[in-house]
């Protein structure tokens, strides 16, 4: 894994909220009123997420992540605007998994 993690930005339909989502790290997402603020909130949460990576025995991979890279923006739903959490699918979410990826292998 590179020294950054991919981040997608889900923009609420009315533009009230944005969810920054790290698709390679399930559950690592944060919302805010702007894309910049959502990315900053996600970055600020990364130290707390480290315990999740450790439980998945992926702490070494997660510790190597030093920054984030926004790779996609896509429209969200009304729920994105209301709660600031992801309710839509990015193009990454729609990609097929390989047969040998396994439960955690897809994230490595």
PDB file of N, CA and C in Angstrom:
ATOM      1  N   UNK A   1       0.839  -1.171   0.000  1.00  0.00           N
ATOM      2  CA  UNK A   1       0.000   0.000   0.000  1.00  0.00           C
ATOM      3  C   UNK A   1       0.888   1.238   0.000  1.00  0.00           C
ATOM      4  N   UNK A   2       0.452   2.254  -0.677  1.00  0.00           N
ATOM      5  CA  UNK A   2       1.207   3.499  -0.776  1.00  0.00           C
ATOM      6  C   UNK A   2       1.176   4.235   0.556  1.00  0.00           C
ATOM      7  N   UNK A   3       1.910   5.352   0.623  1.00  0.00           N
ATOM      8  CA  UNK A   3       1.935   6.117   1.869  1.00  0.00           C
ATOM      9  C   UNK A   3       0.764   7.088   1.973  1.00  0.00           C
ATOM     10  N   UNK A   4      -0.225   6.890   1.150  1.00  0.00           N
ATOM     11  CA  UNK A   4      -1.465   7.660   1.234  1.00  0.00           C
ATOM     12  C   UNK A   4      -2.640   6.694   1.076  1.00  0.00           C
ATOM     13  N   UNK A   5      -3.792   7.149   1.482  1.00  0.00           N
ATOM     14  CA  UNK A   5      -4.994   6.350   1.288  1.00  0.00           C
ATOM     15  C   UNK A   5      -5.947   7.107   0.368  1.00  0.00           C
ATOM     16  N   UNK A   6      -6.640   6.361  -0.453  1.00  0.00           N
ATOM     17  CA  UNK A   6      -7.599   6.970  -1.365  1.00  0.00           C
ATOM     18  C   UNK A   6      -8.797   7.471  -0.584  1.00  0.00           C
ATOM     19  N   UNK A   7      -9.287   8.633  -0.982  1.00  0.00           N
ATOM     20  CA  UNK A   7     -10.467   9.218  -0.364  1.00  0.00           C
ATOM     21  C   UNK A   7     -11.410   9.663  -1.470  1.00  0.00           C
ATOM     22  N   UNK A   8     -12.686   9.345  -1.300  1.00  0.00           N
ATOM     23  CA  UNK A   8     -13.708   9.823  -2.219  1.00  0.00           C
ATOM     24  C   UNK A   8     -14.553  10.852  -1.475  1.00  0.00           C
ATOM     25  N   UNK A   9     -15.103  11.786  -2.235  1.00  0.00           N
ATOM     26  CA  UNK A   9     -15.954  12.819  -1.653  1.00  0.00           C
ATOM     27  C   UNK A   9     -17.366  12.660  -2.187  1.00  0.00           C
ATOM     28  N   UNK A  10     -18.282  12.390  -1.282  1.00  0.00           N
ATOM     29  CA  UNK A  10     -19.690  12.262  -1.636  1.00  0.00           C
ATOM     30  C   UNK A  10     -20.357  13.597  -1.329  1.00  0.00           C
ATOM     31  N   UNK A  11     -20.828  14.270  -2.372  1.00  0.00           N
ATOM     32  CA  UNK A  11     -21.410  15.599  -2.244  1.00  0.00           C
ATOM     33  C   UNK A  11     -22.933  15.466  -2.140  1.00  0.00           C
ATOM     34  N   UNK A  12     -23.510  15.988  -1.076  1.00  0.00           N
ATOM     35  CA  UNK A  12     -24.960  15.944  -0.907  1.00  0.00           C
ATOM     36  C   UNK A  12     -25.670  16.620  -2.069  1.00  0.00           C
ATOM     37  N   UNK A  13     -26.868  16.158  -2.391  1.00  0.00           N
ATOM     38  CA  UNK A  13     -27.607  16.669  -3.550  1.00  0.00           C
ATOM     39  C   UNK A  13     -27.825  18.180  -3.505  1.00  0.00           C
ATOM     40  N   UNK A  14     -28.035  18.731  -2.321  1.00  0.00           N
ATOM     41  CA  UNK A  14     -28.227  20.173  -2.183  1.00  0.00           C
ATOM     42  C   UNK A  14     -26.935  20.891  -1.803  1.00  0.00           C
ATOM     43  N   UNK A  15     -25.845  20.146  -1.699  1.00  0.00           N
ATOM     44  CA  UNK A  15     -24.558  20.751  -1.381  1.00  0.00           C
ATOM     45  C   UNK A  15     -24.425  21.219   0.057  1.00  0.00           C
ATOM     46  N   UNK A  16     -25.271  20.704   0.939  1.00  0.00           N
ATOM     47  CA  UNK A  16     -25.222  21.119   2.343  1.00  0.00           C
ATOM     48  C   UNK A  16     -24.121  20.410   3.120  1.00  0.00           C
ATOM     49  N   UNK A  17     -23.819  19.168   2.748  1.00  0.00           N
ATOM     50  CA  UNK A  17     -22.816  18.367   3.459  1.00  0.00           C
ATOM     51  C   UNK A  17     -22.005  17.553   2.458  1.00  0.00           C
ATOM     52  N   UNK A  18     -20.801  17.197   2.891  1.00  0.00           N
ATOM     53  CA  UNK A  18     -19.897  16.359   2.102  1.00  0.00           C
ATOM     54  C   UNK A  18     -19.374  15.267   3.017  1.00  0.00           C
ATOM     55  N   UNK A  19     -19.337  14.041   2.526  1.00  0.00           N
ATOM     56  CA  UNK A  19     -18.753  12.933   3.274  1.00  0.00           C
ATOM     57  C   UNK A  19     -17.433  12.553   2.616  1.00  0.00           C
ATOM     58  N   UNK A  20     -16.356  12.545   3.395  1.00  0.00           N
ATOM     59  CA  UNK A  20     -15.052  12.073   2.931  1.00  0.00           C
ATOM     60  C   UNK A  20     -14.952  10.615   3.358  1.00  0.00           C
ATOM     61  N   UNK A  21     -14.752   9.716   2.384  1.00  0.00           N
ATOM     62  CA  UNK A  21     -14.784   8.279   2.619  1.00  0.00           C
ATOM     63  C   UNK A  21     -13.466   7.655   2.168  1.00  0.00           C
ATOM     64  N   UNK A  22     -12.872   6.825   3.023  1.00  0.00           N
ATOM     65  CA  UNK A  22     -11.662   6.082   2.663  1.00  0.00           C
ATOM     66  C   UNK A  22     -12.083   4.658   2.311  1.00  0.00           C
ATOM     67  N   UNK A  23     -12.304   4.360   1.030  1.00  0.00           N
ATOM     68  CA  UNK A  23     -12.878   3.066   0.660  1.00  0.00           C
ATOM     69  C   UNK A  23     -11.988   1.864   0.986  1.00  0.00           C
ATOM     70  N   UNK A  24     -10.701   2.082   1.185  1.00  0.00           N
ATOM     71  CA  UNK A  24      -9.804   0.970   1.513  1.00  0.00           C
ATOM     72  C   UNK A  24      -9.808   0.635   3.000  1.00  0.00           C
ATOM     73  N   UNK A  25     -10.452   1.476   3.795  1.00  0.00           N
ATOM     74  CA  UNK A  25     -10.497   1.291   5.246  1.00  0.00           C
ATOM     75  C   UNK A  25     -11.955   1.399   5.702  1.00  0.00           C
ATOM     76  N   UNK A  26     -12.691   0.290   5.754  1.00  0.00           N
ATOM     77  CA  UNK A  26     -14.112   0.311   6.090  1.00  0.00           C
ATOM     78  C   UNK A  26     -14.402   1.070   7.382  1.00  0.00           C
ATOM     79  N   UNK A  27     -15.368   1.970   7.292  1.00  0.00           N
ATOM     80  CA  UNK A  27     -15.774   2.751   8.441  1.00  0.00           C
ATOM     81  C   UNK A  27     -15.012   4.049   8.629  1.00  0.00           C
ATOM     82  N   UNK A  28     -13.957   4.251   7.864  1.00  0.00           N
ATOM     83  CA  UNK A  28     -13.178   5.487   7.992  1.00  0.00           C
ATOM     84  C   UNK A  28     -13.789   6.533   7.071  1.00  0.00           C
ATOM     85  N   UNK A  29     -14.662   7.344   7.649  1.00  0.00           N
ATOM     86  CA  UNK A  29     -15.306   8.426   6.906  1.00  0.00           C
ATOM     87  C   UNK A  29     -15.743   9.505   7.876  1.00  0.00           C
ATOM     88  N   UNK A  30     -15.784  10.711   7.390  1.00  0.00           N
ATOM     89  CA  UNK A  30     -16.224  11.848   8.194  1.00  0.00           C
ATOM     90  C   UNK A  30     -16.930  12.840   7.292  1.00  0.00           C
ATOM     91  N   UNK A  31     -17.924  13.530   7.838  1.00  0.00           N
ATOM     92  CA  UNK A  31     -18.677  14.514   7.081  1.00  0.00           C
ATOM     93  C   UNK A  31     -18.492  15.907   7.630  1.00  0.00           C
ATOM     94  N   UNK A  32     -18.736  16.891   6.777  1.00  0.00           N
ATOM     95  CA  UNK A  32     -18.667  18.301   7.162  1.00  0.00           C
ATOM     96  C   UNK A  32     -19.403  19.118   6.109  1.00  0.00           C
ATOM     97  N   UNK A  33     -19.441  20.426   6.310  1.00  0.00           N
ATOM     98  CA  UNK A  33     -20.170  21.292   5.381  1.00  0.00           C
ATOM     99  C   UNK A  33     -19.414  21.563   4.079  1.00  0.00           C
ATOM    100  N   UNK A  34     -18.106  21.376   4.068  1.00  0.00           N
ATOM    101  CA  UNK A  34     -17.324  21.561   2.845  1.00  0.00           C
ATOM    102  C   UNK A  34     -16.422  20.352   2.623  1.00  0.00           C
ATOM    103  N   UNK A  35     -15.966  20.187   1.394  1.00  0.00           N
ATOM    104  CA  UNK A  35     -15.057  19.081   1.083  1.00  0.00           C
ATOM    105  C   UNK A  35     -13.765  19.197   1.889  1.00  0.00           C
ATOM    106  N   UNK A  36     -13.224  20.400   1.969  1.00  0.00           N
ATOM    107  CA  UNK A  36     -11.973  20.607   2.693  1.00  0.00           C
ATOM    108  C   UNK A  36     -12.124  20.244   4.167  1.00  0.00           C
ATOM    109  N   UNK A  37     -13.231  20.675   4.761  1.00  0.00           N
ATOM    110  CA  UNK A  37     -13.470  20.371   6.171  1.00  0.00           C
ATOM    111  C   UNK A  37     -13.680  18.878   6.391  1.00  0.00           C
ATOM    112  N   UNK A  38     -14.371  18.204   5.467  1.00  0.00           N
ATOM    113  CA  UNK A  38     -14.596  16.765   5.595  1.00  0.00           C
ATOM    114  C   UNK A  38     -13.268  16.005   5.535  1.00  0.00           C
ATOM    115  N   UNK A  39     -12.389  16.399   4.619  1.00  0.00           N
ATOM    116  CA  UNK A  39     -11.079  15.750   4.510  1.00  0.00           C
ATOM    117  C   UNK A  39     -10.266  16.001   5.782  1.00  0.00           C
ATOM    118  N   UNK A  40     -10.301  17.210   6.298  1.00  0.00           N
ATOM    119  CA  UNK A  40      -9.566  17.515   7.523  1.00  0.00           C
ATOM    120  C   UNK A  40     -10.111  16.732   8.711  1.00  0.00           C
ATOM    121  N   UNK A  41     -11.413  16.575   8.802  1.00  0.00           N
ATOM    122  CA  UNK A  41     -12.002  15.777   9.888  1.00  0.00           C
ATOM    123  C   UNK A  41     -11.590  14.313   9.753  1.00  0.00           C
ATOM    124  N   UNK A  42     -11.538  13.801   8.523  1.00  0.00           N
ATOM    125  CA  UNK A  42     -11.103  12.425   8.313  1.00  0.00           C
ATOM    126  C   UNK A  42      -9.651  12.270   8.744  1.00  0.00           C
ATOM    127  N   UNK A  43      -8.789  13.200   8.333  1.00  0.00           N
ATOM    128  CA  UNK A  43      -7.375  13.160   8.756  1.00  0.00           C
ATOM    129  C   UNK A  43      -7.251  13.179  10.275  1.00  0.00           C
ATOM    130  N   UNK A  44      -8.017  14.033  10.927  1.00  0.00           N
ATOM    131  CA  UNK A  44      -7.953  14.152  12.379  1.00  0.00           C
ATOM    132  C   UNK A  44      -8.419  12.873  13.075  1.00  0.00           C
ATOM    133  N   UNK A  45      -9.288  12.112  12.429  1.00  0.00           N
ATOM    134  CA  UNK A  45      -9.814  10.882  13.017  1.00  0.00           C
ATOM    135  C   UNK A  45      -8.884   9.692  12.826  1.00  0.00           C
ATOM    136  N   UNK A  46      -7.953   9.782  11.916  1.00  0.00           N
ATOM    137  CA  UNK A  46      -7.092   8.635  11.595  1.00  0.00           C
ATOM    138  C   UNK A  46      -6.368   8.044  12.813  1.00  0.00           C
ATOM    139  N   UNK A  47      -5.849   8.821  13.741  1.00  0.00           N
ATOM    140  CA  UNK A  47      -5.213   8.203  14.920  1.00  0.00           C
ATOM    141  C   UNK A  47      -6.177   7.334  15.738  1.00  0.00           C
ATOM    142  N   UNK A  48      -7.430   7.734  15.827  1.00  0.00           N
ATOM    143  CA  UNK A  48      -8.411   6.926  16.554  1.00  0.00           C
ATOM    144  C   UNK A  48      -8.763   5.660  15.780  1.00  0.00           C
ATOM    145  N   UNK A  49      -8.737   5.724  14.444  1.00  0.00           N
ATOM    146  CA  UNK A  49      -9.066   4.568  13.613  1.00  0.00           C
ATOM    147  C   UNK A  49      -7.966   3.501  13.684  1.00  0.00           C
ATOM    148  N   UNK A  50      -6.773   3.874  14.108  1.00  0.00           N
ATOM    149  CA  UNK A  50      -5.649   2.934  14.170  1.00  0.00           C
ATOM    150  C   UNK A  50      -5.983   1.686  14.982  1.00  0.00           C
ATOM    151  N   UNK A  51      -6.808   1.815  16.008  1.00  0.00           N
ATOM    152  CA  UNK A  51      -7.172   0.639  16.806  1.00  0.00           C
ATOM    153  C   UNK A  51      -8.013  -0.348  15.995  1.00  0.00           C
ATOM    154  N   UNK A  52      -8.810   0.151  15.055  1.00  0.00           N
ATOM    155  CA  UNK A  52      -9.584  -0.725  14.170  1.00  0.00           C
ATOM    156  C   UNK A  52      -8.630  -1.509  13.272  1.00  0.00           C
ATOM    157  N   UNK A  53      -7.660  -0.809  12.697  1.00  0.00           N
ATOM    158  CA  UNK A  53      -6.669  -1.471  11.842  1.00  0.00           C
ATOM    159  C   UNK A  53      -5.897  -2.530  12.632  1.00  0.00           C
ATOM    160  N   UNK A  54      -5.601  -2.226  13.886  1.00  0.00           N
ATOM    161  CA  UNK A  54      -4.878  -3.196  14.719  1.00  0.00           C
ATOM    162  C   UNK A  54      -5.720  -4.441  14.950  1.00  0.00           C
ATOM    163  N   UNK A  55      -7.005  -4.271  15.234  1.00  0.00           N
ATOM    164  CA  UNK A  55      -7.885  -5.425  15.429  1.00  0.00           C
ATOM    165  C   UNK A  55      -7.966  -6.294  14.178  1.00  0.00           C
ATOM    166  N   UNK A  56      -7.848  -5.655  13.008  1.00  0.00           N
ATOM    167  CA  UNK A  56      -7.878  -6.388  11.742  1.00  0.00           C
ATOM    168  C   UNK A  56      -6.492  -6.919  11.367  1.00  0.00           C
ATOM    169  N   UNK A  57      -5.517  -6.748  12.270  1.00  0.00           N
ATOM    170  CA  UNK A  57      -4.132  -7.161  12.043  1.00  0.00           C
ATOM    171  C   UNK A  57      -3.544  -6.489  10.809  1.00  0.00           C
ATOM    172  N   UNK A  58      -3.941  -5.220  10.616  1.00  0.00           N
ATOM    173  CA  UNK A  58      -3.438  -4.434   9.495  1.00  0.00           C
ATOM    174  C   UNK A  58      -2.803  -3.139   9.992  1.00  0.00           C
ATOM    175  N   UNK A  59      -2.340  -3.147  11.247  1.00  0.00           N
ATOM    176  CA  UNK A  59      -1.790  -1.934  11.836  1.00  0.00           C
ATOM    177  C   UNK A  59      -0.541  -1.454  11.121  1.00  0.00           C
ATOM    178  N   UNK A  60       0.302  -2.363  10.647  1.00  0.00           N
ATOM    179  CA  UNK A  60       1.516  -1.937   9.934  1.00  0.00           C
ATOM    180  C   UNK A  60       1.155  -1.209   8.645  1.00  0.00           C
ATOM    181  N   UNK A  61       0.182  -1.739   7.906  1.00  0.00           N
ATOM    182  CA  UNK A  61      -0.251  -1.088   6.677  1.00  0.00           C
ATOM    183  C   UNK A  61      -0.856   0.283   6.961  1.00  0.00           C
ATOM    184  N   UNK A  62      -1.655   0.361   8.028  1.00  0.00           N
ATOM    185  CA  UNK A  62      -2.300   1.637   8.348  1.00  0.00           C
ATOM    186  C   UNK A  62      -1.283   2.662   8.850  1.00  0.00           C
ATOM    187  N   UNK A  63      -0.311   2.225   9.628  1.00  0.00           N
ATOM    188  CA  UNK A  63       0.717   3.139  10.126  1.00  0.00           C
ATOM    189  C   UNK A  63       1.545   3.732   8.985  1.00  0.00           C
ATOM    190  N   UNK A  64       1.626   3.021   7.867  1.00  0.00           N
ATOM    191  CA  UNK A  64       2.379   3.521   6.707  1.00  0.00           C
ATOM    192  C   UNK A  64       1.650   4.653   6.000  1.00  0.00           C
ATOM    193  N   UNK A  65       0.363   4.795   6.255  1.00  0.00           N
ATOM    194  CA  UNK A  65      -0.433   5.848   5.625  1.00  0.00           C
ATOM    195  C   UNK A  65      -0.090   7.179   6.283  1.00  0.00           C
ATOM    196  N   UNK A  66       0.455   8.084   5.514  1.00  0.00           N
ATOM    197  CA  UNK A  66       0.844   9.388   6.044  1.00  0.00           C
ATOM    198  C   UNK A  66      -0.090  10.510   5.602  1.00  0.00           C
ATOM    199  N   UNK A  67      -0.842  10.294   4.555  1.00  0.00           N
ATOM    200  CA  UNK A  67      -1.710  11.343   4.042  1.00  0.00           C
ATOM    201  C   UNK A  67      -2.852  10.710   3.256  1.00  0.00           C
ATOM    202  N   UNK A  68      -3.731  11.550   2.760  1.00  0.00           N
ATOM    203  CA  UNK A  68      -4.857  11.095   1.955  1.00  0.00           C
ATOM    204  C   UNK A  68      -4.763  11.719   0.569  1.00  0.00           C
ATOM    205  N   UNK A  69      -5.365  11.053  -0.389  1.00  0.00           N
ATOM    206  CA  UNK A  69      -5.429  11.567  -1.765  1.00  0.00           C
ATOM    207  C   UNK A  69      -6.872  11.465  -2.239  1.00  0.00           C
ATOM    208  N   UNK A  70      -7.477  12.591  -2.545  1.00  0.00           N
ATOM    209  CA  UNK A  70      -8.845  12.593  -3.073  1.00  0.00           C
ATOM    210  C   UNK A  70      -8.788  12.084  -4.506  1.00  0.00           C
ATOM    211  N   UNK A  71      -9.505  11.006  -4.760  1.00  0.00           N
ATOM    212  CA  UNK A  71      -9.458  10.362  -6.071  1.00  0.00           C
ATOM    213  C   UNK A  71     -10.764  10.455  -6.846  1.00  0.00           C
ATOM    214  N   UNK A  72     -11.842  10.869  -6.173  1.00  0.00           N
ATOM    215  CA  UNK A  72     -13.127  10.926  -6.864  1.00  0.00           C
ATOM    216  C   UNK A  72     -14.112  11.796  -6.084  1.00  0.00           C
ATOM    217  N   UNK A  73     -14.989  12.451  -6.821  1.00  0.00           N
ATOM    218  CA  UNK A  73     -16.135  13.148  -6.248  1.00  0.00           C
ATOM    219  C   UNK A  73     -17.370  12.606  -6.948  1.00  0.00           C
ATOM    220  N   UNK A  74     -18.437  12.385  -6.206  1.00  0.00           N
ATOM    221  CA  UNK A  74     -19.660  11.836  -6.792  1.00  0.00           C
ATOM    222  C   UNK A  74     -20.865  12.343  -6.020  1.00  0.00           C
ATOM    223  N   UNK A  75     -22.035  12.340  -6.643  1.00  0.00           N
ATOM    224  CA  UNK A  75     -23.231  12.846  -5.958  1.00  0.00           C
ATOM    225  C   UNK A  75     -23.720  11.878  -4.901  1.00  0.00           C
ATOM    226  N   UNK A  76     -24.143  12.455  -3.793  1.00  0.00           N
ATOM    227  CA  UNK A  76     -24.710  11.660  -2.719  1.00  0.00           C
ATOM    228  C   UNK A  76     -26.222  11.657  -2.797  1.00  0.00           C
ATOM    229  N   UNK A  77     -26.839  11.505  -1.660  1.00  0.00           N
ATOM    230  CA  UNK A  77     -28.300  11.464  -1.560  1.00  0.00           C
ATOM    231  C   UNK A  77     -28.756  12.537  -0.571  1.00  0.00           C
ATOM    232  N   UNK A  78     -30.038  12.594  -0.337  1.00  0.00           N
ATOM    233  CA  UNK A  78     -30.553  13.501   0.681  1.00  0.00           C
ATOM    234  C   UNK A  78     -29.997  13.161   2.054  1.00  0.00           C
ATOM    235  N   UNK A  79     -29.716  11.889   2.297  1.00  0.00           N
ATOM    236  CA  UNK A  79     -29.138  11.469   3.569  1.00  0.00           C
ATOM    237  C   UNK A  79     -27.731  12.025   3.758  1.00  0.00           C
ATOM    238  N   UNK A  80     -27.006  12.166   2.661  1.00  0.00           N
ATOM    239  CA  UNK A  80     -25.669  12.767   2.745  1.00  0.00           C
ATOM    240  C   UNK A  80     -25.793  14.193   3.269  1.00  0.00           C
ATOM    241  N   UNK A  81     -26.733  14.951   2.703  1.00  0.00           N
ATOM    242  CA  UNK A  81     -26.964  16.322   3.151  1.00  0.00           C
ATOM    243  C   UNK A  81     -27.449  16.384   4.598  1.00  0.00           C
ATOM    244  N   UNK A  82     -28.327  15.477   4.975  1.00  0.00           N
ATOM    245  CA  UNK A  82     -28.946  15.537   6.301  1.00  0.00           C
ATOM    246  C   UNK A  82     -27.985  15.109   7.409  1.00  0.00           C
ATOM    247  N   UNK A  83     -27.306  13.962   7.232  1.00  0.00           N
ATOM    248  CA  UNK A  83     -26.451  13.420   8.278  1.00  0.00           C
ATOM    249  C   UNK A  83     -24.960  13.620   8.031  1.00  0.00           C
ATOM    250  N   UNK A  84     -24.570  13.885   6.810  1.00  0.00           N
ATOM    251  CA  UNK A  84     -23.144  14.023   6.500  1.00  0.00           C
ATOM    252  C   UNK A  84     -22.405  12.701   6.483  1.00  0.00           C
ATOM    253  N   UNK A  85     -23.145  11.623   6.166  1.00  0.00           N
ATOM    254  CA  UNK A  85     -22.514  10.309   6.050  1.00  0.00           C
ATOM    255  C   UNK A  85     -22.810   9.732   4.671  1.00  0.00           C
ATOM    256  N   UNK A  86     -21.996   8.779   4.268  1.00  0.00           N
ATOM    257  CA  UNK A  86     -22.105   8.212   2.931  1.00  0.00           C
ATOM    258  C   UNK A  86     -23.325   7.310   2.800  1.00  0.00           C
ATOM    259  N   UNK A  87     -24.115   7.562   1.757  1.00  0.00           N
ATOM    260  CA  UNK A  87     -25.272   6.734   1.442  1.00  0.00           C
ATOM    261  C   UNK A  87     -25.297   6.345  -0.030  1.00  0.00           C
ATOM    262  N   UNK A  88     -24.288   6.741  -0.801  1.00  0.00           N
ATOM    263  CA  UNK A  88     -24.235   6.439  -2.226  1.00  0.00           C
ATOM    264  C   UNK A  88     -22.977   5.620  -2.509  1.00  0.00           C
ATOM    265  N   UNK A  89     -22.855   5.137  -3.728  1.00  0.00           N
ATOM    266  CA  UNK A  89     -21.715   4.305  -4.111  1.00  0.00           C
ATOM    267  C   UNK A  89     -20.793   5.065  -5.058  1.00  0.00           C
ATOM    268  N   UNK A  90     -19.505   5.037  -4.749  1.00  0.00           N
ATOM    269  CA  UNK A  90     -18.509   5.594  -5.662  1.00  0.00           C
ATOM    270  C   UNK A  90     -18.195   4.544  -6.727  1.00  0.00           C
ATOM    271  N   UNK A  91     -17.419   4.934  -7.719  1.00  0.00           N
ATOM    272  CA  UNK A  91     -17.017   3.953  -8.736  1.00  0.00           C
ATOM    273  C   UNK A  91     -16.132   2.869  -8.125  1.00  0.00           C
ATOM    274  N   UNK A  92     -15.401   3.191  -7.077  1.00  0.00           N
ATOM    275  CA  UNK A  92     -14.556   2.199  -6.397  1.00  0.00           C
ATOM    276  C   UNK A  92     -15.442   1.141  -5.737  1.00  0.00           C
ATOM    277  N   UNK A  93     -16.539   1.576  -5.117  1.00  0.00           N
ATOM    278  CA  UNK A  93     -17.454   0.639  -4.473  1.00  0.00           C
ATOM    279  C   UNK A  93     -18.088  -0.322  -5.471  1.00  0.00           C
ATOM    280  N   UNK A  94     -18.208   0.099  -6.708  1.00  0.00           N
ATOM    281  CA  UNK A  94     -18.872  -0.704  -7.731  1.00  0.00           C
ATOM    282  C   UNK A  94     -17.935  -1.679  -8.438  1.00  0.00           C
ATOM    283  N   UNK A  95     -16.640  -1.623  -8.143  1.00  0.00           N
ATOM    284  CA  UNK A  95     -15.683  -2.515  -8.792  1.00  0.00           C
ATOM    285  C   UNK A  95     -15.829  -3.936  -8.262  1.00  0.00           C
ATOM    286  N   UNK A  96     -15.640  -4.914  -9.155  1.00  0.00           N
ATOM    287  CA  UNK A  96     -15.680  -6.314  -8.752  1.00  0.00           C
ATOM    288  C   UNK A  96     -14.455  -6.650  -7.914  1.00  0.00           C
ATOM    289  N   UNK A  97     -14.655  -7.537  -6.947  1.00  0.00           N
ATOM    290  CA  UNK A  97     -13.540  -8.049  -6.152  1.00  0.00           C
ATOM    291  C   UNK A  97     -12.971  -9.267  -6.849  1.00  0.00           C
ATOM    292  N   UNK A  98     -11.671  -9.459  -6.701  1.00  0.00           N
ATOM    293  CA  UNK A  98     -11.067 -10.658  -7.269  1.00  0.00           C
ATOM    294  C   UNK A  98     -11.463 -11.860  -6.422  1.00  0.00           C
ATOM    295  N   UNK A  99     -11.464 -13.041  -7.014  1.00  0.00           N
ATOM    296  CA  UNK A  99     -11.881 -14.257  -6.325  1.00  0.00           C
ATOM    297  C   UNK A  99     -10.959 -14.587  -5.163  1.00  0.00           C
ATOM    298  N   UNK A 100      -9.683 -14.212  -5.249  1.00  0.00           N
ATOM    299  CA  UNK A 100      -8.733 -14.542  -4.192  1.00  0.00           C
ATOM    300  C   UNK A 100      -8.562 -13.417  -3.167  1.00  0.00           C
ATOM    301  N   UNK A 101      -9.379 -12.391  -3.242  1.00  0.00           N
ATOM    302  CA  UNK A 101      -9.229 -11.258  -2.329  1.00  0.00           C
ATOM    303  C   UNK A 101      -9.521 -11.651  -0.886  1.00  0.00           C
ATOM    304  N   UNK A 102     -10.467 -12.524  -0.658  1.00  0.00           N
ATOM    305  CA  UNK A 102     -10.798 -12.917   0.698  1.00  0.00           C
ATOM    306  C   UNK A 102     -11.474 -11.773   1.451  1.00  0.00           C
ATOM    307  N   UNK A 103     -11.797 -12.020   2.684  1.00  0.00           N
ATOM    308  CA  UNK A 103     -12.501 -11.026   3.487  1.00  0.00           C
ATOM    309  C   UNK A 103     -11.648  -9.796   3.726  1.00  0.00           C
ATOM    310  N   UNK A 104     -10.412  -9.964   4.156  1.00  0.00           N
ATOM    311  CA  UNK A 104      -9.537  -8.809   4.406  1.00  0.00           C
ATOM    312  C   UNK A 104      -8.570  -8.562   3.274  1.00  0.00           C
ATOM    313  N   UNK A 105      -8.339  -9.541   2.438  1.00  0.00           N
ATOM    314  CA  UNK A 105      -7.359  -9.394   1.370  1.00  0.00           C
ATOM    315  C   UNK A 105      -7.663  -8.260   0.411  1.00  0.00           C
ATOM    316  N   UNK A 106      -8.919  -7.915   0.257  1.00  0.00           N
ATOM    317  CA  UNK A 106      -9.290  -6.853  -0.654  1.00  0.00           C
ATOM    318  C   UNK A 106      -8.718  -5.514  -0.184  1.00  0.00           C
ATOM    319  N   UNK A 107      -8.463  -5.362   1.095  1.00  0.00           N
ATOM    320  CA  UNK A 107      -7.975  -4.116   1.643  1.00  0.00           C
ATOM    321  C   UNK A 107      -6.458  -4.041   1.671  1.00  0.00           C
ATOM    322  N   UNK A 108      -5.792  -5.083   1.311  1.00  0.00           N
ATOM    323  CA  UNK A 108      -4.324  -5.086   1.344  1.00  0.00           C
ATOM    324  C   UNK A 108      -3.749  -4.772   0.000  1.00  0.00           C
TER     325      UNK A 108
END
